Protein backbone atom coordinates (compact mmCIF):
# COMPACT_ATOMS: atom_id res chain seq x y z
CA MET A 1 128.74 38.28 171.09
CA VAL A 2 128.96 35.83 168.22
CA GLY A 3 125.41 34.93 168.50
CA MET A 4 124.42 38.61 168.21
CA LEU A 5 126.38 39.08 165.15
CA LEU A 6 124.75 36.11 163.50
CA GLY A 7 121.34 37.26 164.55
CA LEU A 8 122.04 40.69 162.85
CA SER A 9 123.27 39.05 159.66
CA GLY A 10 119.95 37.38 159.19
CA CYS A 11 117.91 40.63 159.23
CA GLY A 12 117.99 40.86 155.40
CA PHE A 13 119.11 44.52 154.80
CA SER A 14 118.33 45.69 151.14
CA ALA A 15 119.71 48.39 149.05
CA PRO A 16 117.39 51.48 148.41
CA GLU A 17 115.40 51.13 145.26
CA ASP A 18 116.74 52.90 141.99
CA VAL A 19 120.34 52.87 143.32
CA VAL A 20 122.95 50.76 141.49
CA VAL A 21 126.48 50.36 142.26
CA THR A 22 128.63 51.13 139.32
CA SER A 23 131.96 49.50 138.47
CA SER A 24 133.80 52.35 140.12
CA GLY A 25 131.87 51.70 143.33
CA ALA A 26 129.87 54.90 143.22
CA PRO A 27 126.06 54.71 143.33
CA SER A 28 124.16 55.69 140.25
CA ASP A 29 120.60 57.12 140.38
CA THR A 30 118.47 55.37 137.77
CA GLY A 31 115.42 57.20 138.66
CA SER A 32 114.04 60.10 136.55
CA MET A 33 114.06 63.71 137.49
CA ASP A 34 111.56 66.22 136.13
CA ASP A 35 113.51 69.10 134.61
CA GLY A 36 110.49 70.82 133.06
CA ASP A 37 111.41 70.19 129.53
CA THR A 38 108.85 67.62 128.22
CA ASP A 39 110.23 67.38 124.70
CA GLY A 40 113.79 68.51 124.97
CA ALA A 41 113.39 71.22 122.18
CA ALA A 42 115.08 74.64 122.48
CA PRO A 43 112.81 77.62 122.95
CA GLU A 44 111.50 78.98 119.66
CA ALA A 45 113.19 82.29 118.53
CA ASP A 46 111.23 85.55 118.07
CA PRO A 47 110.88 86.13 114.34
CA ASP A 48 111.28 89.86 114.99
CA ASP A 49 114.81 89.23 116.27
CA ILE A 50 115.77 87.55 112.91
CA ASP A 51 117.35 89.97 110.28
CA ASP A 52 115.64 88.52 107.33
CA ASP A 53 117.03 90.97 104.73
CA GLY A 54 120.63 90.94 105.92
CA ASP A 55 120.93 94.86 106.39
CA GLY A 56 122.08 94.58 109.95
CA TYR A 57 118.70 95.43 111.55
CA THR A 58 115.84 93.35 112.84
CA GLU A 59 112.30 94.41 113.25
CA ASN A 60 112.88 94.68 117.10
CA GLU A 61 115.82 97.02 116.24
CA GLY A 62 113.64 99.26 114.26
CA ASP A 63 113.63 97.86 110.71
CA CYS A 64 110.18 98.75 109.44
CA ASP A 65 110.46 96.58 106.28
CA ASP A 66 112.81 93.58 107.04
CA ALA A 67 112.10 92.12 103.44
CA SER A 68 114.10 95.09 101.86
CA ALA A 69 117.79 95.68 102.53
CA THR A 70 117.51 99.28 101.45
CA VAL A 71 115.00 100.05 104.33
CA ASN A 72 116.56 100.25 107.83
CA PRO A 73 117.21 102.98 110.51
CA ASP A 74 120.65 103.87 108.94
CA ALA A 75 119.38 104.26 105.39
CA ILE A 76 119.24 107.63 103.38
CA ASP A 77 115.72 108.64 102.94
CA GLY A 78 115.70 110.09 99.44
CA CYS A 79 113.02 111.38 97.14
CA ASP A 80 110.98 108.26 96.25
CA GLY A 81 107.85 108.21 98.49
CA THR A 82 109.29 105.51 100.75
CA ASP A 83 110.29 106.02 104.42
CA GLU A 84 113.73 104.31 104.02
CA ASP A 85 115.08 105.26 107.56
CA CYS A 86 111.87 104.16 109.36
CA ASP A 87 111.50 107.38 111.31
CA GLY A 88 107.99 108.11 110.30
CA VAL A 89 108.98 111.22 108.13
CA LEU A 90 108.81 110.88 104.39
CA ASP A 91 111.70 111.77 102.03
CA GLU A 92 113.35 114.20 104.48
CA ASP A 93 116.79 113.64 102.98
CA ALA A 94 115.45 114.90 99.69
CA ALA A 95 116.27 118.32 101.26
CA ASP A 96 119.82 117.85 100.03
CA ASP A 97 118.61 118.59 96.56
CA ASP A 98 117.28 122.09 97.65
CA MET A 99 119.90 124.78 97.49
CA TYR A 100 117.88 127.00 99.92
CA GLU A 101 117.88 124.31 102.73
CA PRO A 102 118.05 124.36 105.69
CA ASN A 103 115.46 127.12 105.87
CA ASP A 104 112.81 125.45 107.94
CA THR A 105 113.50 127.58 111.03
CA SER A 106 116.26 129.96 109.82
CA ALA A 107 115.05 131.92 106.81
CA HIS A 108 117.18 132.14 103.65
CA ASP A 109 118.21 135.74 103.13
CA LEU A 110 117.26 137.15 99.63
CA GLY A 111 118.94 140.41 100.49
CA SER A 112 117.51 143.91 99.57
CA VAL A 113 114.79 143.88 97.00
CA ASN A 114 115.87 147.54 96.12
CA ASP A 115 119.21 146.05 94.92
CA SER A 116 117.75 143.05 93.19
CA PRO A 117 114.23 144.25 92.19
CA VAL A 118 113.38 141.08 90.20
CA GLN A 119 113.97 137.65 91.73
CA ALA A 120 112.72 134.12 90.84
CA ILE A 121 113.34 131.42 93.23
CA GLN A 122 112.73 127.71 92.40
CA GLY A 123 112.29 125.84 95.73
CA LEU A 124 111.10 122.48 96.85
CA LEU A 125 108.83 121.29 99.56
CA HIS A 126 110.23 117.92 99.91
CA ASN A 127 107.29 116.60 102.01
CA ASP A 128 104.22 117.83 103.71
CA ASP A 129 106.17 118.74 106.88
CA ASP A 130 108.77 120.81 105.08
CA VAL A 131 108.68 124.69 105.62
CA ASP A 132 110.54 127.09 103.41
CA ARG A 133 111.26 130.49 104.82
CA PHE A 134 112.84 133.48 102.94
CA VAL A 135 113.54 136.96 104.24
CA PHE A 136 114.21 140.23 102.22
CA SER A 137 114.47 143.80 103.12
CA PHE A 138 112.76 146.85 101.44
CA GLU A 139 113.67 150.51 101.85
CA ASP A 140 110.95 153.09 101.18
CA THR A 141 112.87 155.76 99.42
CA TRP A 142 109.81 158.20 99.38
CA SER A 143 109.50 157.83 95.60
CA PRO A 144 106.17 159.05 94.35
CA TYR A 145 105.15 155.40 93.43
CA PHE A 146 106.31 151.99 93.89
CA ALA A 147 104.57 148.52 93.63
CA LEU A 148 106.08 145.31 95.11
CA SER A 149 104.55 142.09 94.01
CA LEU A 150 105.13 138.56 95.19
CA SER A 151 103.64 135.45 93.63
CA LEU A 152 103.91 131.71 94.29
CA GLY A 153 103.28 129.58 91.11
CA SER A 154 104.03 126.22 89.63
CA ILE A 155 102.46 124.51 92.52
CA PRO A 156 102.65 120.68 91.89
CA SER A 157 99.46 119.17 90.48
CA GLY A 158 97.31 117.88 93.13
CA ALA A 159 98.99 119.79 95.88
CA ASP A 160 97.77 122.82 97.99
CA TYR A 161 100.47 125.18 99.14
CA ARG A 162 100.10 128.05 101.54
CA LEU A 163 101.89 131.45 101.06
CA THR A 164 102.26 133.68 104.19
CA ILE A 165 103.99 137.14 104.31
CA GLU A 166 104.85 138.82 107.51
CA ASN A 167 106.30 142.11 108.34
CA ARG A 168 109.26 141.35 110.67
CA THR A 169 109.59 144.87 111.78
CA THR A 170 105.97 145.18 113.00
CA GLY A 171 105.10 141.54 113.55
CA GLU A 172 102.02 141.91 111.24
CA THR A 173 100.81 139.12 109.01
CA LEU A 174 100.18 140.92 105.60
CA PHE A 175 99.09 137.85 103.58
CA ASP A 176 98.02 134.31 104.30
CA GLU A 177 96.32 132.18 101.69
CA ALA A 178 96.42 128.53 100.44
CA GLY A 179 95.50 127.17 97.04
CA ASP A 180 96.54 124.99 94.15
CA GLY A 181 97.00 127.68 91.51
CA ASN A 182 98.81 130.92 91.66
CA LEU A 183 99.02 132.79 94.87
CA SER A 184 99.86 136.51 94.65
CA ALA A 185 100.19 139.54 96.85
CA SER A 186 101.22 143.23 96.41
CA MET A 187 102.26 146.26 98.36
CA THR A 188 101.98 149.77 97.06
CA GLU A 189 103.08 153.15 98.16
CA ASP A 190 101.58 154.69 101.25
CA LEU A 191 102.41 158.36 101.10
CA PHE A 192 101.68 158.80 104.84
CA ALA A 193 103.97 156.03 106.11
CA ASP A 194 107.38 154.89 105.93
CA GLN A 195 107.15 151.23 104.72
CA THR A 196 110.79 150.33 105.22
CA ALA A 197 110.87 146.96 106.84
CA ASP A 198 112.20 143.29 106.72
CA PHE A 199 109.72 140.88 105.39
CA GLU A 200 109.47 137.08 105.73
CA ILE A 201 107.94 134.75 103.20
CA ILE A 202 106.74 131.27 104.63
CA ILE A 203 105.75 128.46 102.19
CA THR A 204 104.13 125.37 103.52
CA SER A 205 102.13 122.49 102.20
CA GLU A 206 98.46 121.74 102.93
CA GLY A 207 98.92 118.34 101.31
CA GLY A 208 100.40 116.83 98.15
CA ALA A 209 103.96 118.14 98.46
CA ASP A 210 106.32 116.61 95.87
CA CYS A 211 110.08 116.61 96.22
CA ASN A 212 110.47 115.92 92.61
CA ARG A 213 108.55 119.07 91.47
CA SER A 214 109.67 122.62 92.47
CA TYR A 215 107.58 125.77 92.96
CA LEU A 216 108.34 129.12 91.57
CA LEU A 217 108.47 132.16 93.98
CA THR A 218 108.80 135.58 92.24
CA LEU A 219 109.50 139.04 93.63
CA ASP A 220 109.04 142.13 91.45
CA LEU A 221 109.65 145.72 92.49
CA VAL A 222 108.72 148.56 90.21
CA GLU A 223 109.67 152.18 91.33
């Protein structure tokens, strides 16, 4: 048995390469492991995730001008030709300066033209997507003569506005023209028809609407 032990002790066992016994007695691996990071640098940040102007929004969060703190999705889009709230619609908050808004879908009621035969309305198309609607009523009193005239003037220079007049009672379109000057329409007595009705006036822009410059809509009834 002694001879066998001596024979084994001469076999020359060696420790595995790259393993060092530390002072604590635990082996330490001195070999290198490939962690996939060749230079040790952190991944580069997306520039669109950085809030450059300090307004609380990055470009990836909807800021369409990250060099201006006044432009972000939470800004008020006033009348200045800039889309401050980055929604693709220009100057829509300028509607706050128009006393007849909101009348894009629900017409502002001007009442009876018989009670107020002369009316002058200063309105605003605050951008090319704005629509102004007004409604008024007219009672045909069977007088031998009447003339009701409507006109749209003071259209901003460089703009084209459209004036449409519809008979709400019959659904008929009575007038529909666009231009850059004065647009006018009239209705006179038809002795063989009762012309009592509700009428709707629709004003839209064909281009060049300016929230800083108002138009003038006038109604004039002569009986």
